[in-house]
Amino acid sequence: MREMEFKMERQGLLTVGEKITISEGVLPTSFYYTINPSLAMSGNYTQRERLKSREGVVKSIEERPQGYYVIAEFNE
């Protein structure tokens, strides 16, 4: 299992255990991921860190001073 962190702006958009789908965005030298439909966004990842799976499960949601963070698990 691979874990990834996503930033979520508002509380209550996702719940622990919920199945999610993600889409991949491409930048000139990296990739980023968005939980559909635009609920949360990941940081940037290099080519070798690129995610192969497009479906996962929400493992936890953490509240930090910067906002809400979703930890999701992917089968890789």
N, C-alpha and C. Protein backbone atom coordinates (compact mmCIF):
# COMPACT_ATOMS: atom_id res chain seq x y z
N MET A 1 0.83 -1.18 0.00
CA MET A 1 0.00 0.00 0.00
C MET A 1 0.88 1.25 0.00
N ARG A 2 0.45 2.21 -0.76
CA ARG A 2 1.16 3.49 -0.81
C ARG A 2 0.24 4.57 -0.26
N GLU A 3 0.80 5.42 0.57
CA GLU A 3 0.04 6.53 1.15
C GLU A 3 0.44 7.84 0.50
N MET A 4 -0.55 8.70 0.29
CA MET A 4 -0.30 10.04 -0.25
C MET A 4 -1.11 11.04 0.57
N GLU A 5 -0.58 12.26 0.63
CA GLU A 5 -1.24 13.32 1.38
C GLU A 5 -1.83 14.35 0.42
N PHE A 6 -3.06 14.77 0.73
CA PHE A 6 -3.78 15.76 -0.07
C PHE A 6 -4.25 16.88 0.84
N LYS A 7 -4.23 18.11 0.36
CA LYS A 7 -4.71 19.27 1.11
C LYS A 7 -6.16 19.51 0.75
N MET A 8 -7.02 19.60 1.79
CA MET A 8 -8.44 19.84 1.61
C MET A 8 -8.77 21.17 2.29
N GLU A 9 -9.44 22.06 1.61
CA GLU A 9 -9.69 23.40 2.12
C GLU A 9 -10.80 23.48 3.16
N ARG A 10 -11.81 22.61 3.08
CA ARG A 10 -12.94 22.67 4.01
C ARG A 10 -13.18 21.31 4.65
N GLN A 11 -13.65 21.34 5.84
CA GLN A 11 -13.98 20.13 6.58
C GLN A 11 -15.26 19.51 6.03
N GLY A 12 -15.35 18.17 6.12
CA GLY A 12 -16.58 17.49 5.77
C GLY A 12 -16.75 17.10 4.32
N LEU A 13 -15.77 17.35 3.48
CA LEU A 13 -15.90 16.99 2.07
C LEU A 13 -15.70 15.49 1.85
N LEU A 14 -14.89 14.86 2.71
CA LEU A 14 -14.60 13.43 2.62
C LEU A 14 -14.73 12.81 4.01
N THR A 15 -14.91 11.48 4.04
CA THR A 15 -14.96 10.77 5.31
C THR A 15 -13.97 9.61 5.28
N VAL A 16 -13.51 9.21 6.45
CA VAL A 16 -12.57 8.09 6.57
C VAL A 16 -13.25 6.83 6.05
N GLY A 17 -12.53 6.06 5.25
CA GLY A 17 -13.06 4.83 4.66
C GLY A 17 -13.71 5.02 3.31
N GLU A 18 -13.91 6.25 2.89
CA GLU A 18 -14.55 6.55 1.61
C GLU A 18 -13.63 6.18 0.45
N LYS A 19 -14.19 5.57 -0.59
CA LYS A 19 -13.43 5.27 -1.80
C LYS A 19 -13.35 6.54 -2.64
N ILE A 20 -12.16 6.79 -3.20
CA ILE A 20 -11.94 8.00 -3.99
C ILE A 20 -11.34 7.65 -5.35
N THR A 21 -11.53 8.53 -6.30
CA THR A 21 -10.84 8.46 -7.58
C THR A 21 -10.04 9.75 -7.73
N ILE A 22 -8.92 9.65 -8.40
CA ILE A 22 -8.08 10.82 -8.58
C ILE A 22 -7.77 11.02 -10.06
N SER A 23 -7.44 12.26 -10.39
CA SER A 23 -6.97 12.58 -11.73
C SER A 23 -5.56 13.13 -11.61
N GLU A 24 -4.80 12.95 -12.68
CA GLU A 24 -3.40 13.37 -12.69
C GLU A 24 -3.25 14.65 -13.51
N GLY A 25 -2.52 15.60 -12.96
CA GLY A 25 -2.18 16.82 -13.67
C GLY A 25 -0.70 16.80 -14.02
N VAL A 26 -0.35 17.38 -15.15
CA VAL A 26 1.03 17.34 -15.62
C VAL A 26 1.60 18.75 -15.64
N LEU A 27 2.77 18.90 -15.02
CA LEU A 27 3.55 20.14 -15.07
C LEU A 27 4.80 19.86 -15.89
N PRO A 28 5.59 20.86 -16.24
CA PRO A 28 6.77 20.61 -17.08
C PRO A 28 7.74 19.56 -16.50
N THR A 29 7.92 19.53 -15.19
CA THR A 29 8.88 18.57 -14.62
C THR A 29 8.29 17.71 -13.51
N SER A 30 6.98 17.75 -13.31
CA SER A 30 6.38 16.98 -12.23
C SER A 30 4.91 16.69 -12.48
N PHE A 31 4.30 15.97 -11.54
CA PHE A 31 2.90 15.58 -11.61
C PHE A 31 2.22 15.94 -10.30
N TYR A 32 0.91 16.19 -10.35
CA TYR A 32 0.13 16.41 -9.13
C TYR A 32 -1.20 15.68 -9.29
N TYR A 33 -1.88 15.45 -8.18
CA TYR A 33 -3.11 14.65 -8.19
C TYR A 33 -4.23 15.39 -7.49
N THR A 34 -5.44 15.22 -8.01
CA THR A 34 -6.63 15.84 -7.45
C THR A 34 -7.66 14.77 -7.15
N ILE A 35 -8.22 14.81 -5.94
CA ILE A 35 -9.32 13.90 -5.61
C ILE A 35 -10.57 14.47 -6.27
N ASN A 36 -11.20 13.67 -7.11
CA ASN A 36 -12.37 14.11 -7.86
C ASN A 36 -13.61 14.12 -6.99
N PRO A 37 -14.49 15.08 -7.17
CA PRO A 37 -14.46 16.23 -8.07
C PRO A 37 -13.85 17.47 -7.40
N SER A 38 -12.59 17.65 -7.52
CA SER A 38 -11.84 18.79 -6.98
C SER A 38 -12.04 18.99 -5.48
N LEU A 39 -11.91 17.92 -4.72
CA LEU A 39 -12.10 18.00 -3.27
C LEU A 39 -10.81 18.29 -2.52
N ALA A 40 -9.69 17.78 -3.03
CA ALA A 40 -8.39 17.97 -2.38
C ALA A 40 -7.29 17.79 -3.42
N MET A 41 -6.12 18.39 -3.16
CA MET A 41 -5.02 18.35 -4.12
C MET A 41 -3.73 17.94 -3.42
N SER A 42 -2.91 17.19 -4.14
CA SER A 42 -1.63 16.74 -3.61
C SER A 42 -0.54 17.78 -3.90
N GLY A 43 0.62 17.52 -3.36
CA GLY A 43 1.81 18.28 -3.73
C GLY A 43 2.31 17.78 -5.07
N ASN A 44 3.49 18.23 -5.47
CA ASN A 44 4.07 17.81 -6.74
C ASN A 44 4.96 16.59 -6.54
N TYR A 45 4.94 15.69 -7.52
CA TYR A 45 5.73 14.46 -7.49
C TYR A 45 6.56 14.35 -8.75
N THR A 46 7.75 13.77 -8.63
CA THR A 46 8.63 13.59 -9.78
C THR A 46 8.18 12.38 -10.59
N GLN A 47 8.83 12.17 -11.72
CA GLN A 47 8.50 11.05 -12.60
C GLN A 47 8.61 9.71 -11.88
N ARG A 48 9.64 9.51 -11.10
CA ARG A 48 9.82 8.21 -10.43
C ARG A 48 8.85 8.01 -9.26
N GLU A 49 8.21 9.10 -8.78
CA GLU A 49 7.22 9.01 -7.71
C GLU A 49 5.79 8.95 -8.24
N ARG A 50 5.64 8.93 -9.55
CA ARG A 50 4.33 8.98 -10.20
C ARG A 50 3.44 7.84 -9.73
N LEU A 51 2.18 8.14 -9.49
CA LEU A 51 1.20 7.18 -9.00
C LEU A 51 0.61 6.41 -10.18
N LYS A 52 0.53 5.09 -10.04
CA LYS A 52 -0.01 4.25 -11.12
C LYS A 52 -1.51 4.01 -10.95
N SER A 53 -1.96 3.90 -9.70
CA SER A 53 -3.36 3.62 -9.40
C SER A 53 -4.18 4.91 -9.45
N ARG A 54 -5.44 4.81 -9.81
CA ARG A 54 -6.32 5.98 -9.86
C ARG A 54 -7.48 5.87 -8.87
N GLU A 55 -7.48 4.80 -8.07
CA GLU A 55 -8.52 4.62 -7.06
C GLU A 55 -7.87 4.30 -5.73
N GLY A 56 -8.45 4.84 -4.66
CA GLY A 56 -7.90 4.61 -3.33
C GLY A 56 -8.97 4.75 -2.27
N VAL A 57 -8.52 4.75 -1.00
CA VAL A 57 -9.42 4.84 0.14
C VAL A 57 -8.85 5.88 1.10
N VAL A 58 -9.72 6.70 1.68
CA VAL A 58 -9.31 7.69 2.66
C VAL A 58 -8.95 6.96 3.96
N LYS A 59 -7.69 7.10 4.39
CA LYS A 59 -7.23 6.45 5.61
C LYS A 59 -7.47 7.32 6.84
N SER A 60 -7.18 8.61 6.72
CA SER A 60 -7.39 9.52 7.85
C SER A 60 -7.52 10.95 7.34
N ILE A 61 -8.08 11.81 8.20
CA ILE A 61 -8.19 13.24 7.92
C ILE A 61 -7.66 13.96 9.14
N GLU A 62 -6.68 14.84 8.92
CA GLU A 62 -6.04 15.56 10.02
C GLU A 62 -6.30 17.05 9.89
N GLU A 63 -6.58 17.68 11.02
CA GLU A 63 -6.71 19.14 11.03
C GLU A 63 -5.41 19.72 11.55
N ARG A 64 -4.81 20.61 10.78
CA ARG A 64 -3.57 21.30 11.13
C ARG A 64 -3.80 22.80 11.04
N PRO A 65 -2.88 23.60 11.56
CA PRO A 65 -3.05 25.06 11.44
C PRO A 65 -3.19 25.54 9.99
N GLN A 66 -2.59 24.82 9.04
CA GLN A 66 -2.65 25.22 7.63
C GLN A 66 -3.93 24.78 6.94
N GLY A 67 -4.71 23.90 7.57
CA GLY A 67 -5.94 23.40 6.95
C GLY A 67 -6.14 21.93 7.24
N TYR A 68 -6.92 21.27 6.39
CA TYR A 68 -7.24 19.86 6.56
C TYR A 68 -6.41 19.04 5.57
N TYR A 69 -5.90 17.91 6.05
CA TYR A 69 -5.07 17.04 5.22
C TYR A 69 -5.66 15.64 5.20
N VAL A 70 -5.80 15.10 4.00
CA VAL A 70 -6.35 13.78 3.78
C VAL A 70 -5.19 12.83 3.49
N ILE A 71 -5.12 11.74 4.22
CA ILE A 71 -4.15 10.68 3.93
C ILE A 71 -4.93 9.57 3.25
N ALA A 72 -4.52 9.23 2.04
CA ALA A 72 -5.21 8.21 1.27
C ALA A 72 -4.27 7.06 0.96
N GLU A 73 -4.82 5.85 0.88
CA GLU A 73 -4.05 4.65 0.56
C GLU A 73 -4.39 4.19 -0.85
N PHE A 74 -3.35 3.79 -1.57
CA PHE A 74 -3.51 3.28 -2.93
C PHE A 74 -2.83 1.93 -3.03
N ASN A 75 -3.41 1.03 -3.79
CA ASN A 75 -2.88 -0.32 -3.98
C ASN A 75 -1.77 -0.29 -5.02
N GLU A 76 -0.54 -0.23 -4.57
CA GLU A 76 0.60 -0.25 -5.50
C GLU A 76 1.66 -1.16 -4.99
